[in-house]
Amino acid sequence: MIGVRYGLRQGLDLTAAGFYEAPARFSNPGTAIDTGGAPASGTFTAETSRWGVLLGARWIHGLALRWFVGGEVGWSRQTFTGLDLVNVSDPTNPHTFGLGLADRGKSALLLSPLAGVEWQFAGRWSIAFTPRVQVLVGGAGKVGVVLPVSVGYSWYGL
């Protein structure tokens, strides 16, 4: 995740961020797919990744050691590629059913309430712990918990 914050006034920051989750391969054994005739059964494999953007605001209290609460709203896109069903009935010779499953993607509104603590040290540097809940509304309808620790650098005069 990479982002920027702008201090609108004392105690209120506006935020903008983008994130990318690198592709990860996964498998689901015991999957059955209806092929129009007899169902094909095996291990489903695919690769998934996700990216998105967020805009939000934080109410901040404190000086060197600060706590904050806020929220962000944004958009997320999750893709699934390399979808395949593998016949594993003979474990010594696994092979694909060759179903030609198409890649898929889902977009969703992203709501993210957050709260955390930040410590500013060495003048312009800070470290923050910002637990957040991410709720995907629509498309991919899921809830996740993100526990990021971030390092920041502040500049003044804008």
N, C-alpha and C. Protein backbone atom coordinates (compact mmCIF):
# COMPACT_ATOMS: atom_id res chain seq x y z
N MET A 1 0.86 -1.16 0.00
CA MET A 1 0.00 0.00 0.00
C MET A 1 0.90 1.23 0.00
N ILE A 2 0.57 2.19 -0.80
CA ILE A 2 1.28 3.47 -0.81
C ILE A 2 0.22 4.57 -0.76
N GLY A 3 0.49 5.60 0.03
CA GLY A 3 -0.52 6.64 0.18
C GLY A 3 0.07 7.97 0.60
N VAL A 4 -0.80 8.97 0.59
CA VAL A 4 -0.44 10.31 1.03
C VAL A 4 -1.53 10.81 1.97
N ARG A 5 -1.11 11.72 2.87
CA ARG A 5 -2.05 12.39 3.78
C ARG A 5 -1.82 13.88 3.68
N TYR A 6 -2.91 14.61 3.79
CA TYR A 6 -2.83 16.07 3.79
C TYR A 6 -3.56 16.58 5.02
N GLY A 7 -2.85 17.38 5.84
CA GLY A 7 -3.46 17.96 7.03
C GLY A 7 -4.35 19.12 6.65
N LEU A 8 -5.64 18.87 6.58
CA LEU A 8 -6.60 19.91 6.21
C LEU A 8 -6.65 21.00 7.27
N ARG A 9 -6.61 20.58 8.51
CA ARG A 9 -6.54 21.50 9.66
C ARG A 9 -6.02 20.71 10.84
N GLN A 10 -5.77 21.37 11.95
CA GLN A 10 -5.26 20.69 13.14
C GLN A 10 -6.22 19.57 13.54
N GLY A 11 -5.74 18.34 13.53
CA GLY A 11 -6.57 17.21 13.96
C GLY A 11 -7.38 16.54 12.88
N LEU A 12 -7.31 17.00 11.63
CA LEU A 12 -8.07 16.36 10.55
C LEU A 12 -7.19 16.20 9.32
N ASP A 13 -6.96 14.96 8.92
CA ASP A 13 -6.17 14.65 7.72
C ASP A 13 -7.06 14.03 6.66
N LEU A 14 -6.80 14.35 5.40
CA LEU A 14 -7.41 13.68 4.26
C LEU A 14 -6.40 12.67 3.74
N THR A 15 -6.86 11.53 3.27
CA THR A 15 -5.96 10.47 2.82
C THR A 15 -6.31 10.00 1.41
N ALA A 16 -5.30 9.53 0.70
CA ALA A 16 -5.47 8.87 -0.60
C ALA A 16 -4.45 7.75 -0.65
N ALA A 17 -4.86 6.58 -1.09
CA ALA A 17 -3.95 5.44 -1.11
C ALA A 17 -4.31 4.50 -2.25
N GLY A 18 -3.33 3.73 -2.65
CA GLY A 18 -3.50 2.66 -3.62
C GLY A 18 -2.84 1.41 -3.08
N PHE A 19 -3.34 0.23 -3.45
CA PHE A 19 -2.74 -1.01 -2.98
C PHE A 19 -2.72 -2.04 -4.09
N TYR A 20 -1.79 -2.97 -3.95
CA TYR A 20 -1.66 -4.08 -4.89
C TYR A 20 -1.29 -5.33 -4.10
N GLU A 21 -2.02 -6.39 -4.31
CA GLU A 21 -1.70 -7.68 -3.69
C GLU A 21 -1.20 -8.61 -4.79
N ALA A 22 0.05 -9.03 -4.69
CA ALA A 22 0.69 -9.85 -5.71
C ALA A 22 -0.08 -11.16 -5.94
N PRO A 23 0.03 -11.71 -7.14
CA PRO A 23 -0.67 -12.96 -7.45
C PRO A 23 -0.28 -14.09 -6.50
N ALA A 24 -1.26 -14.89 -6.13
CA ALA A 24 -1.05 -16.07 -5.28
C ALA A 24 -1.81 -17.24 -5.88
N ARG A 25 -1.18 -18.38 -5.95
CA ARG A 25 -1.79 -19.59 -6.50
C ARG A 25 -2.51 -20.33 -5.37
N PHE A 26 -3.67 -20.89 -5.67
CA PHE A 26 -4.39 -21.68 -4.67
C PHE A 26 -5.07 -22.87 -5.34
N SER A 27 -5.48 -23.84 -4.52
CA SER A 27 -6.18 -25.00 -5.06
C SER A 27 -7.28 -25.43 -4.10
N ASN A 28 -8.33 -26.00 -4.66
CA ASN A 28 -9.47 -26.52 -3.89
C ASN A 28 -9.70 -27.98 -4.30
N PRO A 29 -9.26 -28.93 -3.49
CA PRO A 29 -9.51 -30.34 -3.83
C PRO A 29 -10.99 -30.69 -3.68
N GLY A 30 -11.42 -31.71 -4.41
CA GLY A 30 -12.80 -32.20 -4.30
C GLY A 30 -13.82 -31.28 -4.95
N THR A 31 -13.42 -30.58 -6.02
CA THR A 31 -14.33 -29.68 -6.72
C THR A 31 -15.01 -30.42 -7.87
N ALA A 32 -16.31 -30.21 -8.04
CA ALA A 32 -17.05 -30.80 -9.15
C ALA A 32 -17.60 -29.68 -10.01
N ILE A 33 -17.46 -29.83 -11.33
CA ILE A 33 -17.97 -28.84 -12.29
C ILE A 33 -18.89 -29.54 -13.27
N ASP A 34 -20.07 -28.94 -13.49
CA ASP A 34 -21.03 -29.48 -14.45
C ASP A 34 -20.55 -29.13 -15.86
N THR A 35 -20.29 -30.15 -16.66
CA THR A 35 -19.79 -29.94 -18.02
C THR A 35 -20.88 -30.14 -19.07
N GLY A 36 -22.11 -30.27 -18.64
CA GLY A 36 -23.22 -30.50 -19.57
C GLY A 36 -23.56 -31.98 -19.66
N GLY A 37 -22.63 -32.85 -19.34
CA GLY A 37 -22.86 -34.30 -19.28
C GLY A 37 -22.63 -34.73 -17.85
N ALA A 38 -21.72 -35.66 -17.70
CA ALA A 38 -21.35 -36.10 -16.35
C ALA A 38 -20.47 -35.02 -15.72
N PRO A 39 -20.65 -34.74 -14.43
CA PRO A 39 -19.81 -33.71 -13.79
C PRO A 39 -18.35 -34.17 -13.72
N ALA A 40 -17.46 -33.21 -13.93
CA ALA A 40 -16.03 -33.48 -13.81
C ALA A 40 -15.62 -33.15 -12.37
N SER A 41 -14.86 -34.05 -11.77
CA SER A 41 -14.47 -33.87 -10.37
C SER A 41 -12.96 -33.97 -10.25
N GLY A 42 -12.38 -33.05 -9.45
CA GLY A 42 -10.93 -33.05 -9.28
C GLY A 42 -10.50 -31.91 -8.38
N THR A 43 -9.29 -31.42 -8.61
CA THR A 43 -8.74 -30.30 -7.84
C THR A 43 -8.77 -29.05 -8.71
N PHE A 44 -9.47 -28.03 -8.22
CA PHE A 44 -9.56 -26.75 -8.93
C PHE A 44 -8.35 -25.91 -8.56
N THR A 45 -7.66 -25.33 -9.54
CA THR A 45 -6.51 -24.46 -9.29
C THR A 45 -6.71 -23.13 -10.01
N ALA A 46 -6.17 -22.08 -9.43
CA ALA A 46 -6.25 -20.74 -10.03
C ALA A 46 -5.22 -19.83 -9.37
N GLU A 47 -5.06 -18.66 -9.94
CA GLU A 47 -4.18 -17.64 -9.38
C GLU A 47 -5.03 -16.38 -9.20
N THR A 48 -4.88 -15.70 -8.06
CA THR A 48 -5.67 -14.51 -7.79
C THR A 48 -4.78 -13.34 -7.39
N SER A 49 -5.19 -12.14 -7.72
CA SER A 49 -4.51 -10.93 -7.27
C SER A 49 -5.57 -9.84 -7.10
N ARG A 50 -5.19 -8.77 -6.40
CA ARG A 50 -6.15 -7.70 -6.12
C ARG A 50 -5.44 -6.36 -6.07
N TRP A 51 -6.13 -5.32 -6.52
CA TRP A 51 -5.62 -3.95 -6.42
C TRP A 51 -6.79 -3.01 -6.25
N GLY A 52 -6.49 -1.78 -5.80
CA GLY A 52 -7.57 -0.83 -5.59
C GLY A 52 -7.06 0.53 -5.15
N VAL A 53 -8.01 1.45 -4.98
CA VAL A 53 -7.72 2.82 -4.54
C VAL A 53 -8.69 3.20 -3.41
N LEU A 54 -8.22 4.09 -2.52
CA LEU A 54 -9.01 4.52 -1.37
C LEU A 54 -8.86 6.02 -1.14
N LEU A 55 -9.94 6.67 -0.73
CA LEU A 55 -9.94 8.07 -0.30
C LEU A 55 -10.60 8.12 1.07
N GLY A 56 -10.07 8.96 1.97
CA GLY A 56 -10.67 8.98 3.30
C GLY A 56 -10.26 10.17 4.13
N ALA A 57 -10.60 10.08 5.41
CA ALA A 57 -10.29 11.12 6.38
C ALA A 57 -9.99 10.48 7.73
N ARG A 58 -9.15 11.18 8.53
CA ARG A 58 -8.80 10.73 9.87
C ARG A 58 -8.91 11.88 10.85
N TRP A 59 -9.48 11.60 12.00
CA TRP A 59 -9.48 12.55 13.10
C TRP A 59 -8.33 12.13 14.00
N ILE A 60 -7.40 13.06 14.29
CA ILE A 60 -6.17 12.75 15.00
C ILE A 60 -6.11 13.52 16.31
N HIS A 61 -5.60 12.88 17.36
CA HIS A 61 -5.43 13.53 18.65
C HIS A 61 -4.03 13.21 19.18
N GLY A 62 -3.30 14.24 19.59
CA GLY A 62 -1.98 14.05 20.16
C GLY A 62 -0.91 14.79 19.38
N LEU A 63 0.31 14.79 19.92
CA LEU A 63 1.43 15.46 19.28
C LEU A 63 2.45 14.42 18.80
N ALA A 64 3.42 14.05 19.62
CA ALA A 64 4.43 13.06 19.20
C ALA A 64 3.82 11.66 19.16
N LEU A 65 3.02 11.32 20.16
CA LEU A 65 2.29 10.05 20.17
C LEU A 65 0.83 10.38 19.90
N ARG A 66 0.32 9.91 18.77
CA ARG A 66 -1.04 10.27 18.34
C ARG A 66 -1.89 9.02 18.17
N TRP A 67 -3.16 9.16 18.46
CA TRP A 67 -4.12 8.13 18.12
C TRP A 67 -5.13 8.73 17.16
N PHE A 68 -5.73 7.89 16.35
CA PHE A 68 -6.63 8.40 15.32
C PHE A 68 -7.72 7.39 15.01
N VAL A 69 -8.84 7.90 14.50
CA VAL A 69 -9.93 7.10 13.98
C VAL A 69 -10.35 7.71 12.65
N GLY A 70 -10.88 6.91 11.79
CA GLY A 70 -11.29 7.45 10.49
C GLY A 70 -11.91 6.38 9.63
N GLY A 71 -11.97 6.69 8.36
CA GLY A 71 -12.54 5.76 7.41
C GLY A 71 -12.10 6.09 6.00
N GLU A 72 -12.16 5.09 5.14
CA GLU A 72 -11.82 5.26 3.74
C GLU A 72 -12.87 4.57 2.88
N VAL A 73 -13.08 5.12 1.71
CA VAL A 73 -14.01 4.57 0.72
C VAL A 73 -13.23 4.43 -0.58
N GLY A 74 -13.45 3.34 -1.29
CA GLY A 74 -12.73 3.18 -2.54
C GLY A 74 -13.30 2.09 -3.41
N TRP A 75 -12.44 1.58 -4.27
CA TRP A 75 -12.80 0.59 -5.27
C TRP A 75 -11.72 -0.48 -5.30
N SER A 76 -12.12 -1.74 -5.46
CA SER A 76 -11.19 -2.86 -5.50
C SER A 76 -11.51 -3.75 -6.69
N ARG A 77 -10.46 -4.29 -7.30
CA ARG A 77 -10.60 -5.21 -8.43
C ARG A 77 -9.82 -6.48 -8.11
N GLN A 78 -10.51 -7.63 -8.13
CA GLN A 78 -9.86 -8.91 -7.90
C GLN A 78 -9.94 -9.73 -9.17
N THR A 79 -8.82 -10.33 -9.58
CA THR A 79 -8.79 -11.15 -10.80
C THR A 79 -8.43 -12.59 -10.46
N PHE A 80 -8.98 -13.48 -11.25
CA PHE A 80 -8.69 -14.91 -11.15
C PHE A 80 -8.22 -15.36 -12.52
N THR A 81 -7.01 -15.88 -12.61
CA THR A 81 -6.45 -16.32 -13.89
C THR A 81 -5.97 -17.77 -13.78
N GLY A 82 -5.76 -18.40 -14.92
CA GLY A 82 -5.24 -19.76 -14.95
C GLY A 82 -6.17 -20.77 -14.31
N LEU A 83 -7.49 -20.57 -14.43
CA LEU A 83 -8.46 -21.47 -13.83
C LEU A 83 -8.39 -22.84 -14.53
N ASP A 84 -8.30 -23.89 -13.74
CA ASP A 84 -8.17 -25.23 -14.31
C ASP A 84 -8.73 -26.26 -13.34
N LEU A 85 -9.24 -27.34 -13.87
CA LEU A 85 -9.69 -28.47 -13.07
C LEU A 85 -8.77 -29.64 -13.41
N VAL A 86 -8.07 -30.16 -12.40
CA VAL A 86 -7.07 -31.20 -12.60
C VAL A 86 -7.62 -32.54 -12.11
N ASN A 87 -7.52 -33.56 -12.97
CA ASN A 87 -7.95 -34.91 -12.62
C ASN A 87 -6.84 -35.54 -11.78
N VAL A 88 -7.15 -35.81 -10.51
CA VAL A 88 -6.17 -36.41 -9.60
C VAL A 88 -6.60 -37.81 -9.16
N SER A 89 -7.45 -38.47 -9.97
CA SER A 89 -7.91 -39.82 -9.61
C SER A 89 -6.74 -40.80 -9.58
N ASP A 90 -5.71 -40.54 -10.39
CA ASP A 90 -4.47 -41.31 -10.33
C ASP A 90 -3.38 -40.35 -9.85
N PRO A 91 -3.05 -40.35 -8.54
CA PRO A 91 -2.10 -39.38 -7.99
C PRO A 91 -0.72 -39.40 -8.66
N THR A 92 -0.36 -40.51 -9.31
CA THR A 92 0.94 -40.56 -9.98
C THR A 92 0.91 -39.88 -11.34
N ASN A 93 -0.30 -39.60 -11.85
CA ASN A 93 -0.42 -39.00 -13.17
C ASN A 93 -1.54 -37.95 -13.20
N PRO A 94 -1.40 -36.83 -12.44
CA PRO A 94 -2.44 -35.80 -12.50
C PRO A 94 -2.43 -35.11 -13.87
N HIS A 95 -3.61 -34.83 -14.40
CA HIS A 95 -3.69 -34.15 -15.70
C HIS A 95 -4.96 -33.30 -15.76
N THR A 96 -4.90 -32.28 -16.58
CA THR A 96 -6.02 -31.34 -16.70
C THR A 96 -7.17 -31.98 -17.48
N PHE A 97 -8.39 -31.55 -17.14
CA PHE A 97 -9.56 -31.96 -17.90
C PHE A 97 -9.65 -31.17 -19.20
N GLY A 98 -8.91 -30.06 -19.32
CA GLY A 98 -8.92 -29.25 -20.54
C GLY A 98 -10.25 -28.55 -20.79
N LEU A 99 -10.87 -28.04 -19.74
CA LEU A 99 -12.18 -27.41 -19.87
C LEU A 99 -12.12 -26.01 -20.47
N GLY A 100 -10.95 -25.39 -20.52
CA GLY A 100 -10.84 -24.04 -21.10
C GLY A 100 -11.60 -23.00 -20.30
N LEU A 101 -11.48 -23.01 -18.99
CA LEU A 101 -12.20 -22.06 -18.15
C LEU A 101 -11.64 -20.65 -18.35
N ALA A 102 -12.50 -19.69 -18.56
CA ALA A 102 -12.09 -18.30 -18.84
C ALA A 102 -11.64 -17.59 -17.57
N ASP A 103 -10.67 -16.67 -17.72
CA ASP A 103 -10.26 -15.81 -16.61
C ASP A 103 -11.44 -14.97 -16.17
N ARG A 104 -11.46 -14.60 -14.88
CA ARG A 104 -12.57 -13.81 -14.33
C ARG A 104 -12.04 -12.67 -13.50
N GLY A 105 -12.87 -11.66 -13.35
CA GLY A 105 -12.53 -10.53 -12.49
C GLY A 105 -13.79 -9.99 -11.83
N LYS A 106 -13.62 -9.45 -10.63
CA LYS A 106 -14.75 -8.87 -9.90
C LYS A 106 -14.32 -7.52 -9.34
N SER A 107 -15.20 -6.54 -9.47
CA SER A 107 -14.97 -5.22 -8.89
C SER A 107 -15.98 -5.00 -7.76
N ALA A 108 -15.57 -4.20 -6.78
CA ALA A 108 -16.47 -3.96 -5.65
C ALA A 108 -16.16 -2.62 -4.99
N LEU A 109 -17.19 -2.04 -4.39
CA LEU A 109 -17.03 -0.88 -3.54
C LEU A 109 -16.32 -1.35 -2.27
N LEU A 110 -15.38 -0.55 -1.78
CA LEU A 110 -14.59 -0.92 -0.61
C LEU A 110 -14.81 0.11 0.50
N LEU A 111 -15.30 -0.35 1.66
CA LEU A 111 -15.49 0.50 2.84
C LEU A 111 -14.50 0.03 3.90
N SER A 112 -13.79 0.99 4.51
CA SER A 112 -12.73 0.60 5.43
C SER A 112 -12.66 1.51 6.66
N PRO A 113 -13.38 1.17 7.75
CA PRO A 113 -13.19 1.92 9.00
C PRO A 113 -11.82 1.55 9.58
N LEU A 114 -11.19 2.52 10.26
CA LEU A 114 -9.86 2.27 10.81
C LEU A 114 -9.64 3.04 12.10
N ALA A 115 -8.68 2.58 12.86
CA ALA A 115 -8.26 3.24 14.09
C ALA A 115 -6.83 2.82 14.33
N GLY A 116 -6.04 3.68 14.95
CA GLY A 116 -4.66 3.29 15.17
C GLY A 116 -3.89 4.28 16.02
N VAL A 117 -2.59 4.03 16.08
CA VAL A 117 -1.69 4.87 16.85
C VAL A 117 -0.46 5.16 15.99
N GLU A 118 0.08 6.37 16.16
CA GLU A 118 1.24 6.80 15.39
C GLU A 118 2.23 7.50 16.33
N TRP A 119 3.51 7.26 16.13
CA TRP A 119 4.56 7.91 16.91
C TRP A 119 5.46 8.68 15.96
N GLN A 120 5.55 9.99 16.17
CA GLN A 120 6.44 10.81 15.35
C GLN A 120 7.77 10.97 16.08
N PHE A 121 8.86 10.66 15.39
CA PHE A 121 10.18 10.73 15.99
C PHE A 121 11.15 11.39 15.00
N ALA A 122 12.27 11.84 15.49
CA ALA A 122 13.33 12.43 14.65
C ALA A 122 12.79 13.54 13.76
N GLY A 123 11.91 14.36 14.28
CA GLY A 123 11.41 15.51 13.52
C GLY A 123 10.33 15.19 12.52
N ARG A 124 10.69 14.55 11.41
CA ARG A 124 9.74 14.34 10.32
C ARG A 124 9.35 12.88 10.08
N TRP A 125 9.96 11.95 10.78
CA TRP A 125 9.68 10.54 10.57
C TRP A 125 8.61 10.05 11.55
N SER A 126 7.82 9.07 11.11
CA SER A 126 6.82 8.48 12.00
C SER A 126 6.65 7.00 11.67
N ILE A 127 6.13 6.28 12.65
CA ILE A 127 5.78 4.88 12.47
C ILE A 127 4.36 4.72 13.00
N ALA A 128 3.53 4.00 12.28
CA ALA A 128 2.11 3.87 12.65
C ALA A 128 1.64 2.43 12.55
N PHE A 129 0.71 2.08 13.42
CA PHE A 129 0.00 0.81 13.37
C PHE A 129 -1.47 1.16 13.15
N THR A 130 -2.02 0.72 12.01
CA THR A 130 -3.36 1.14 11.60
C THR A 130 -4.25 -0.06 11.28
N PRO A 131 -4.76 -0.76 12.30
CA PRO A 131 -5.69 -1.86 12.01
C PRO A 131 -6.94 -1.34 11.31
N ARG A 132 -7.41 -2.11 10.35
CA ARG A 132 -8.61 -1.71 9.61
C ARG A 132 -9.41 -2.93 9.19
N VAL A 133 -10.68 -2.73 9.03
CA VAL A 133 -11.58 -3.74 8.48
C VAL A 133 -11.87 -3.30 7.05
N GLN A 134 -11.78 -4.22 6.10
CA GLN A 134 -12.13 -3.89 4.72
C GLN A 134 -13.37 -4.68 4.35
N VAL A 135 -14.43 -3.96 4.01
CA VAL A 135 -15.69 -4.57 3.62
C VAL A 135 -15.89 -4.32 2.13
N LEU A 136 -15.94 -5.41 1.35
CA LEU A 136 -16.20 -5.32 -0.08
C LEU A 136 -17.70 -5.45 -0.30
N VAL A 137 -18.31 -4.45 -0.88
CA VAL A 137 -19.75 -4.41 -1.10
C VAL A 137 -20.02 -4.63 -2.59
N GLY A 138 -20.82 -5.63 -2.92
CA GLY A 138 -21.09 -5.95 -4.32
C GLY A 138 -20.05 -6.93 -4.82
N GLY A 139 -20.06 -7.18 -6.13
CA GLY A 139 -19.10 -8.05 -6.80
C GLY A 139 -18.51 -9.18 -5.99
N ALA A 140 -17.58 -8.89 -5.11
CA ALA A 140 -16.84 -9.92 -4.40
C ALA A 140 -17.28 -10.08 -2.95
N GLY A 141 -18.24 -9.33 -2.46
CA GLY A 141 -18.79 -9.36 -1.11
C GLY A 141 -18.02 -10.12 -0.05
N LYS A 142 -16.96 -9.54 0.50
CA LYS A 142 -16.14 -10.18 1.52
C LYS A 142 -15.77 -9.18 2.60
N VAL A 143 -15.30 -9.70 3.72
CA VAL A 143 -14.80 -8.86 4.82
C VAL A 143 -13.39 -9.34 5.15
N GLY A 144 -12.47 -8.39 5.31
CA GLY A 144 -11.10 -8.74 5.67
C GLY A 144 -10.59 -7.82 6.75
N VAL A 145 -9.58 -8.28 7.47
CA VAL A 145 -8.91 -7.47 8.47
C VAL A 145 -7.48 -7.27 8.00
N VAL A 146 -7.04 -6.01 7.98
CA VAL A 146 -5.69 -5.66 7.55
C VAL A 146 -4.97 -5.03 8.75
N LEU A 147 -3.75 -5.46 9.01
CA LEU A 147 -2.98 -4.98 10.18
C LEU A 147 -1.64 -4.39 9.72
N PRO A 148 -1.66 -3.25 9.02
CA PRO A 148 -0.40 -2.70 8.50
C PRO A 148 0.39 -1.89 9.53
N VAL A 149 1.70 -1.98 9.42
CA VAL A 149 2.62 -1.11 10.13
C VAL A 149 3.30 -0.28 9.05
N SER A 150 3.27 1.04 9.18
CA SER A 150 3.83 1.88 8.13
C SER A 150 4.85 2.87 8.68
N VAL A 151 5.76 3.26 7.82
CA VAL A 151 6.76 4.27 8.12
C VAL A 151 6.46 5.46 7.24
N GLY A 152 6.47 6.67 7.82
CA GLY A 152 6.12 7.87 7.05
C GLY A 152 7.17 8.96 7.19
N TYR A 153 7.16 9.87 6.24
CA TYR A 153 8.01 11.04 6.25
C TYR A 153 7.13 12.26 5.98
N SER A 154 7.23 13.27 6.81
CA SER A 154 6.39 14.47 6.67
C SER A 154 7.20 15.62 6.07
N TRP A 155 6.56 16.37 5.19
CA TRP A 155 7.15 17.62 4.71
C TRP A 155 6.11 18.70 4.84
N TYR A 156 6.58 19.92 4.98
CA TYR A 156 5.69 21.02 5.29
C TYR A 156 5.79 22.10 4.21
N GLY A 157 4.79 22.93 4.13
CA GLY A 157 4.84 24.07 3.23
C GLY A 157 3.93 23.99 2.03
N LEU A 158 3.10 22.95 1.92
CA LEU A 158 2.18 22.86 0.79
C LEU A 158 0.89 23.55 1.09
